[in-house]
Protein backbone atom coordinates (compact mmCIF):
# COMPACT_ATOMS: atom_id res chain seq x y z
CA MET A 1 17.21 8.57 -21.15
CA GLU A 2 16.44 12.11 -22.31
CA GLU A 3 12.89 11.10 -23.24
CA LEU A 4 12.52 9.42 -19.84
CA THR A 5 13.61 12.59 -18.05
CA ASP A 6 11.25 14.73 -20.17
CA ALA A 7 8.33 12.36 -19.47
CA VAL A 8 9.00 12.32 -15.70
CA ASN A 9 9.26 16.12 -15.60
CA TYR A 10 5.97 16.42 -17.49
CA LEU A 11 4.17 13.92 -15.25
CA LYS A 12 5.43 15.56 -12.03
CA LYS A 13 3.49 18.70 -12.99
CA HIS A 14 0.13 16.88 -12.93
CA PRO A 15 -1.79 16.35 -9.68
CA ILE A 16 -3.67 13.27 -10.96
CA LEU A 17 -2.34 10.38 -13.04
CA GLY A 18 -3.93 7.22 -14.34
CA PHE A 19 -1.85 4.20 -13.31
CA ASP A 20 -1.44 0.61 -14.47
CA THR A 21 1.19 -2.04 -15.12
CA GLU A 22 1.51 -5.00 -17.44
CA THR A 23 3.31 -8.25 -16.76
CA ARG A 24 3.99 -11.09 -19.16
CA PRO A 25 1.38 -13.75 -18.42
CA ALA A 26 2.50 -17.00 -16.82
CA PHE A 27 0.83 -20.11 -18.17
CA LYS A 28 2.59 -22.67 -15.96
CA LYS A 29 2.02 -23.18 -12.26
CA GLY A 30 4.72 -21.51 -10.16
CA GLN A 31 5.95 -19.40 -13.08
CA ASN A 32 6.14 -15.66 -12.44
CA HIS A 33 7.48 -12.73 -14.40
CA GLN A 34 8.62 -9.29 -13.35
CA VAL A 35 6.59 -6.25 -14.32
CA ALA A 36 7.35 -5.36 -17.93
CA LEU A 37 5.50 -2.07 -18.35
CA LEU A 38 4.44 0.88 -16.20
CA GLN A 39 1.76 3.14 -17.64
CA LEU A 40 1.04 6.66 -16.36
CA SER A 41 -1.51 8.94 -17.99
CA THR A 42 -2.82 12.47 -17.83
CA ALA A 43 -6.07 13.54 -19.50
CA ASN A 44 -4.26 14.06 -22.79
CA GLU A 45 -1.12 11.91 -22.83
CA ALA A 46 -0.14 8.43 -21.73
CA PHE A 47 3.42 7.29 -21.13
CA LEU A 48 4.62 3.70 -21.35
CA PHE A 49 7.79 2.82 -19.44
CA ARG A 50 9.42 -0.51 -20.40
CA THR A 51 10.47 -1.48 -16.88
CA ASN A 52 11.81 -4.83 -18.09
CA LEU A 53 14.35 -2.87 -20.16
CA ILE A 54 15.03 0.30 -18.12
CA GLY A 55 13.96 -0.58 -14.57
CA LEU A 56 12.46 2.16 -12.41
CA SER A 57 14.32 5.46 -12.68
CA PRO A 58 14.74 7.65 -9.58
CA GLY A 59 12.26 10.11 -11.14
CA LEU A 60 9.59 7.43 -11.52
CA VAL A 61 10.24 6.24 -7.96
CA LYS A 62 9.64 9.81 -6.74
CA ILE A 63 6.33 9.97 -8.59
CA LEU A 64 5.25 6.59 -7.18
CA GLY A 65 6.12 7.72 -3.66
CA SER A 66 4.69 11.23 -3.87
CA PRO A 67 1.58 11.76 -1.72
CA SER A 68 0.88 15.00 -3.62
CA ILE A 69 0.44 13.22 -6.97
CA ILE A 70 -2.68 11.03 -7.05
CA LYS A 71 -2.12 7.78 -8.94
CA VAL A 72 -5.40 6.06 -9.67
CA GLY A 73 -6.01 2.57 -10.98
CA ALA A 74 -7.96 -0.66 -10.54
CA ALA A 75 -6.60 -3.62 -8.58
CA ILE A 76 -3.40 -1.72 -7.86
CA ARG A 77 -2.18 -3.55 -4.74
CA ASP A 78 -0.37 -6.26 -6.71
CA ASP A 79 0.90 -3.68 -9.24
CA ILE A 80 2.55 -1.73 -6.41
CA LYS A 81 4.06 -4.88 -4.88
CA ILE A 82 5.61 -6.00 -8.14
CA LEU A 83 7.02 -2.50 -8.80
CA GLN A 84 8.59 -2.52 -5.33
CA LYS A 85 10.61 -5.55 -6.43
CA LEU A 86 12.33 -3.31 -9.00
CA ALA A 87 13.03 -0.41 -6.62
CA HIS A 88 12.21 0.17 -2.99
CA PHE A 89 9.70 2.97 -2.44
CA LYS A 90 6.95 3.82 -0.01
CA PRO A 91 3.75 4.18 -2.07
CA GLY A 92 2.11 7.58 -1.76
CA GLY A 93 -1.01 9.09 -3.25
CA PHE A 94 -2.49 5.89 -4.66
CA VAL A 95 -6.27 5.61 -5.07
CA GLU A 96 -7.92 2.25 -5.64
CA LEU A 97 -10.85 2.66 -8.04
CA GLN A 98 -12.48 -0.52 -6.73
CA GLU A 99 -12.79 1.11 -3.29
CA LEU A 100 -13.82 4.51 -4.64
CA VAL A 101 -16.70 3.15 -6.73
CA LYS A 102 -18.25 1.50 -3.67
CA GLU A 103 -18.94 5.01 -2.32
CA HIS A 104 -20.99 5.62 -5.48
CA GLY A 105 -23.02 2.42 -5.20
CA ILE A 106 -21.22 0.70 -8.06
CA GLU A 107 -20.68 -3.02 -7.52
CA ASN A 108 -18.90 -3.97 -10.75
CA PHE A 109 -15.16 -3.63 -10.30
CA SER A 110 -13.49 -4.57 -13.59
CA LEU A 111 -11.94 -1.68 -15.47
CA LYS A 112 -13.96 -2.60 -18.56
CA LYS A 113 -17.24 -2.42 -16.63
CA LEU A 114 -16.26 0.76 -14.78
CA ALA A 115 -15.41 2.43 -18.10
CA ALA A 116 -18.89 1.59 -19.39
CA ILE A 117 -20.73 2.62 -16.21
CA VAL A 118 -18.87 5.83 -15.36
CA CYS A 119 -17.64 7.09 -18.73
CA ASP A 120 -20.08 5.40 -21.12
CA MET A 121 -17.05 4.04 -23.02
CA ARG A 122 -16.28 0.58 -24.29
CA ILE A 123 -12.67 -0.54 -23.96
CA SER A 124 -11.07 -3.67 -25.38
CA LYS A 125 -9.16 -6.10 -23.18
CA SER A 126 -8.00 -8.28 -26.09
CA GLN A 127 -4.28 -7.56 -25.60
CA ARG A 128 -4.23 -8.44 -21.88
CA LEU A 129 -2.53 -11.83 -22.29
CA THR A 130 0.09 -10.84 -24.85
CA ASN A 131 3.86 -10.90 -24.36
CA TRP A 132 4.70 -7.63 -22.61
CA GLU A 133 8.40 -8.53 -22.65
CA ALA A 134 8.55 -8.61 -26.47
CA PRO A 135 11.49 -6.62 -27.87
CA VAL A 136 9.04 -4.27 -29.59
CA LEU A 137 5.45 -3.76 -28.47
CA THR A 138 2.85 -3.86 -31.25
CA GLU A 139 0.69 -0.83 -31.89
CA GLN A 140 -2.26 -2.77 -30.45
CA GLN A 141 -0.32 -3.45 -27.23
CA GLN A 142 0.67 0.20 -26.95
CA VAL A 143 -2.90 1.43 -27.44
CA TYR A 144 -4.23 -1.14 -24.97
CA ALA A 145 -1.67 -0.21 -22.31
CA ALA A 146 -2.14 3.52 -22.77
CA THR A 147 -5.93 3.13 -22.67
CA ASP A 148 -5.86 1.24 -19.36
CA ALA A 149 -4.01 4.06 -17.59
CA TRP A 150 -6.03 6.78 -19.35
CA ILE A 151 -9.43 5.22 -18.60
CA SER A 152 -8.46 4.92 -14.92
CA TYR A 153 -7.81 8.67 -14.96
CA MET A 154 -11.12 9.34 -16.71
CA ILE A 155 -13.12 7.15 -14.30
CA TYR A 156 -11.58 8.97 -11.33
CA ILE A 157 -12.44 12.37 -12.83
CA GLY A 158 -15.95 11.15 -13.63
CA LEU A 159 -16.51 10.03 -10.03
CA THR A 160 -14.90 12.93 -8.20
CA GLN A 161 -15.72 15.97 -10.30
CA LYS A 162 -19.46 15.56 -10.87
């Protein structure tokens, strides 16, 4: 809990955060899982919150509801909805990359393609369908999850600060 508090206090000091979530994939019709991981990233550090184990702390809820902290990600509508099942909050300060890129004439909306177009970076999506509820996340899962939030941050900076 001390690490959680330190992470939240650190993140609250940043005006822009990359945002993403991961949910265990469902392979059977009608099967759904709760969000297992919330990722928030600055330019230099990414934080992974195991929501399936710790839920959403009041500090994280404040960040998610704060209009003064921009949280940027791709296809975030469903991410927000699934997080609201863990704790009620009114979303504030969220920016949808898929809407923002339209203003720049970009028609490809996947995070992988946006990373290539805006940041000239190649990111791997190979861990996307892994078990995010595993007792311990592999190093590959951790890097994948951190990268998704971080690249969202970098794409936003690349589009808005040129």
